[in-house]
């Protein structure tokens, strides 16, 4: 997969959150938190990991996601993963 820009990763994450979790697009800002702003629970988080890994073509341990609490932190994580494993 070619190196993606931060904006491209953010757009795909927004698409996943809006399409697969029915979250209104206007709520999906970089600073939005998964539990607080977006109202996601732990089961949603597991599903989000699956959708993100499928969309970007990498695998990570669920444990690697434990400190990712915002859309921006997930985007940064995906970019780092793609840079080292992409």
C-alpha atoms as a PDB file:
ATOM      1  CA  UNK A   1       0.000   0.000   0.000  1.00  0.00           C
ATOM      2  CA  UNK A   2       1.460   3.412  -0.932  1.00  0.00           C
ATOM      3  CA  UNK A   3       2.229   5.815   1.895  1.00  0.00           C
ATOM      4  CA  UNK A   4      -0.925   7.685   2.812  1.00  0.00           C
ATOM      5  CA  UNK A   5      -1.147  11.245   4.071  1.00  0.00           C
ATOM      6  CA  UNK A   6      -2.576  12.120   7.478  1.00  0.00           C
ATOM      7  CA  UNK A   7      -5.624  13.592   5.703  1.00  0.00           C
ATOM      8  CA  UNK A   8      -6.213  10.365   3.735  1.00  0.00           C
ATOM      9  CA  UNK A   9      -6.026   8.228   6.872  1.00  0.00           C
ATOM     10  CA  UNK A  10      -8.340  10.616   8.733  1.00  0.00           C
ATOM     11  CA  UNK A  11     -10.833  10.523   5.844  1.00  0.00           C
ATOM     12  CA  UNK A  12     -10.878   6.702   5.884  1.00  0.00           C
ATOM     13  CA  UNK A  13     -11.266   6.571   9.681  1.00  0.00           C
ATOM     14  CA  UNK A  14     -14.158   9.058   9.399  1.00  0.00           C
ATOM     15  CA  UNK A  15     -15.718   6.877   6.693  1.00  0.00           C
ATOM     16  CA  UNK A  16     -15.469   3.805   8.947  1.00  0.00           C
ATOM     17  CA  UNK A  17     -16.930   5.602  11.971  1.00  0.00           C
ATOM     18  CA  UNK A  18     -19.795   7.128   9.992  1.00  0.00           C
ATOM     19  CA  UNK A  19     -20.563   4.075   7.873  1.00  0.00           C
ATOM     20  CA  UNK A  20     -20.051   1.189  10.270  1.00  0.00           C
ATOM     21  CA  UNK A  21     -21.017   2.880  13.544  1.00  0.00           C
ATOM     22  CA  UNK A  22     -23.627   5.402  12.319  1.00  0.00           C
ATOM     23  CA  UNK A  23     -21.802   8.293  13.984  1.00  0.00           C
ATOM     24  CA  UNK A  24     -22.772  11.671  12.512  1.00  0.00           C
ATOM     25  CA  UNK A  25     -19.827  12.935  10.421  1.00  0.00           C
ATOM     26  CA  UNK A  26     -19.905  16.367  12.103  1.00  0.00           C
ATOM     27  CA  UNK A  27     -18.991  14.702  15.442  1.00  0.00           C
ATOM     28  CA  UNK A  28     -15.899  12.973  13.993  1.00  0.00           C
ATOM     29  CA  UNK A  29     -13.189  15.568  14.598  1.00  0.00           C
ATOM     30  CA  UNK A  30      -9.529  14.739  15.296  1.00  0.00           C
ATOM     31  CA  UNK A  31      -9.969  15.656  18.968  1.00  0.00           C
ATOM     32  CA  UNK A  32     -13.116  13.514  19.347  1.00  0.00           C
ATOM     33  CA  UNK A  33     -12.738  10.782  21.949  1.00  0.00           C
ATOM     34  CA  UNK A  34     -14.157   7.347  21.275  1.00  0.00           C
ATOM     35  CA  UNK A  35     -15.950   6.880  24.588  1.00  0.00           C
ATOM     36  CA  UNK A  36     -16.800  10.490  25.387  1.00  0.00           C
ATOM     37  CA  UNK A  37     -17.528  12.388  22.187  1.00  0.00           C
ATOM     38  CA  UNK A  38     -18.507   9.439  20.006  1.00  0.00           C
ATOM     39  CA  UNK A  39     -20.222   7.300  22.665  1.00  0.00           C
ATOM     40  CA  UNK A  40     -18.463   4.053  21.759  1.00  0.00           C
ATOM     41  CA  UNK A  41     -18.119   1.152  24.183  1.00  0.00           C
ATOM     42  CA  UNK A  42     -15.505  -1.598  24.465  1.00  0.00           C
ATOM     43  CA  UNK A  43     -17.287  -3.865  21.970  1.00  0.00           C
ATOM     44  CA  UNK A  44     -17.353  -0.994  19.474  1.00  0.00           C
ATOM     45  CA  UNK A  45     -13.623  -0.583  20.030  1.00  0.00           C
ATOM     46  CA  UNK A  46     -12.967  -4.213  19.097  1.00  0.00           C
ATOM     47  CA  UNK A  47     -15.055  -3.794  15.946  1.00  0.00           C
ATOM     48  CA  UNK A  48     -13.244  -0.551  15.104  1.00  0.00           C
ATOM     49  CA  UNK A  49      -9.871  -2.315  15.357  1.00  0.00           C
ATOM     50  CA  UNK A  50     -11.089  -4.980  12.926  1.00  0.00           C
ATOM     51  CA  UNK A  51     -12.415  -2.412  10.432  1.00  0.00           C
ATOM     52  CA  UNK A  52      -9.285  -0.246  10.626  1.00  0.00           C
ATOM     53  CA  UNK A  53      -6.901  -3.177  10.203  1.00  0.00           C
ATOM     54  CA  UNK A  54      -8.944  -4.470   7.265  1.00  0.00           C
ATOM     55  CA  UNK A  55      -9.063  -1.045   5.617  1.00  0.00           C
ATOM     56  CA  UNK A  56      -5.338  -0.358   5.956  1.00  0.00           C
ATOM     57  CA  UNK A  57      -4.015  -3.901   5.562  1.00  0.00           C
ATOM     58  CA  UNK A  58      -2.023  -4.470   8.745  1.00  0.00           C
ATOM     59  CA  UNK A  59      -2.390  -6.443  11.966  1.00  0.00           C
ATOM     60  CA  UNK A  60      -1.544  -5.383  15.498  1.00  0.00           C
ATOM     61  CA  UNK A  61      -2.215  -6.782  18.932  1.00  0.00           C
ATOM     62  CA  UNK A  62      -5.366  -5.498  20.598  1.00  0.00           C
ATOM     63  CA  UNK A  63      -3.105  -4.490  23.485  1.00  0.00           C
ATOM     64  CA  UNK A  64      -1.336  -1.997  21.162  1.00  0.00           C
ATOM     65  CA  UNK A  65      -4.546   0.048  20.928  1.00  0.00           C
ATOM     66  CA  UNK A  66      -5.164   0.439  24.666  1.00  0.00           C
ATOM     67  CA  UNK A  67      -3.868   4.026  24.927  1.00  0.00           C
ATOM     68  CA  UNK A  68      -5.640   5.319  21.832  1.00  0.00           C
ATOM     69  CA  UNK A  69      -8.555   7.388  23.066  1.00  0.00           C
ATOM     70  CA  UNK A  70      -9.128   9.891  20.265  1.00  0.00           C
ATOM     71  CA  UNK A  71      -9.548   9.937  16.509  1.00  0.00           C
ATOM     72  CA  UNK A  72      -6.239  11.797  16.181  1.00  0.00           C
ATOM     73  CA  UNK A  73      -4.345   9.227  18.255  1.00  0.00           C
ATOM     74  CA  UNK A  74      -5.756   6.428  16.073  1.00  0.00           C
ATOM     75  CA  UNK A  75      -4.721   8.276  12.896  1.00  0.00           C
ATOM     76  CA  UNK A  76      -1.184   8.695  14.277  1.00  0.00           C
ATOM     77  CA  UNK A  77      -1.071   4.994  15.206  1.00  0.00           C
ATOM     78  CA  UNK A  78      -2.192   3.924  11.716  1.00  0.00           C
ATOM     79  CA  UNK A  79       0.404   6.189  10.073  1.00  0.00           C
ATOM     80  CA  UNK A  80       3.163   4.744  12.269  1.00  0.00           C
ATOM     81  CA  UNK A  81       2.015   1.184  11.528  1.00  0.00           C
ATOM     82  CA  UNK A  82       1.965   1.816   7.792  1.00  0.00           C
ATOM     83  CA  UNK A  83       5.430   3.411   7.926  1.00  0.00           C
ATOM     84  CA  UNK A  84       6.958   0.394   9.649  1.00  0.00           C
ATOM     85  CA  UNK A  85       4.829  -2.464   8.272  1.00  0.00           C
ATOM     86  CA  UNK A  86       3.247  -1.057   5.137  1.00  0.00           C
END
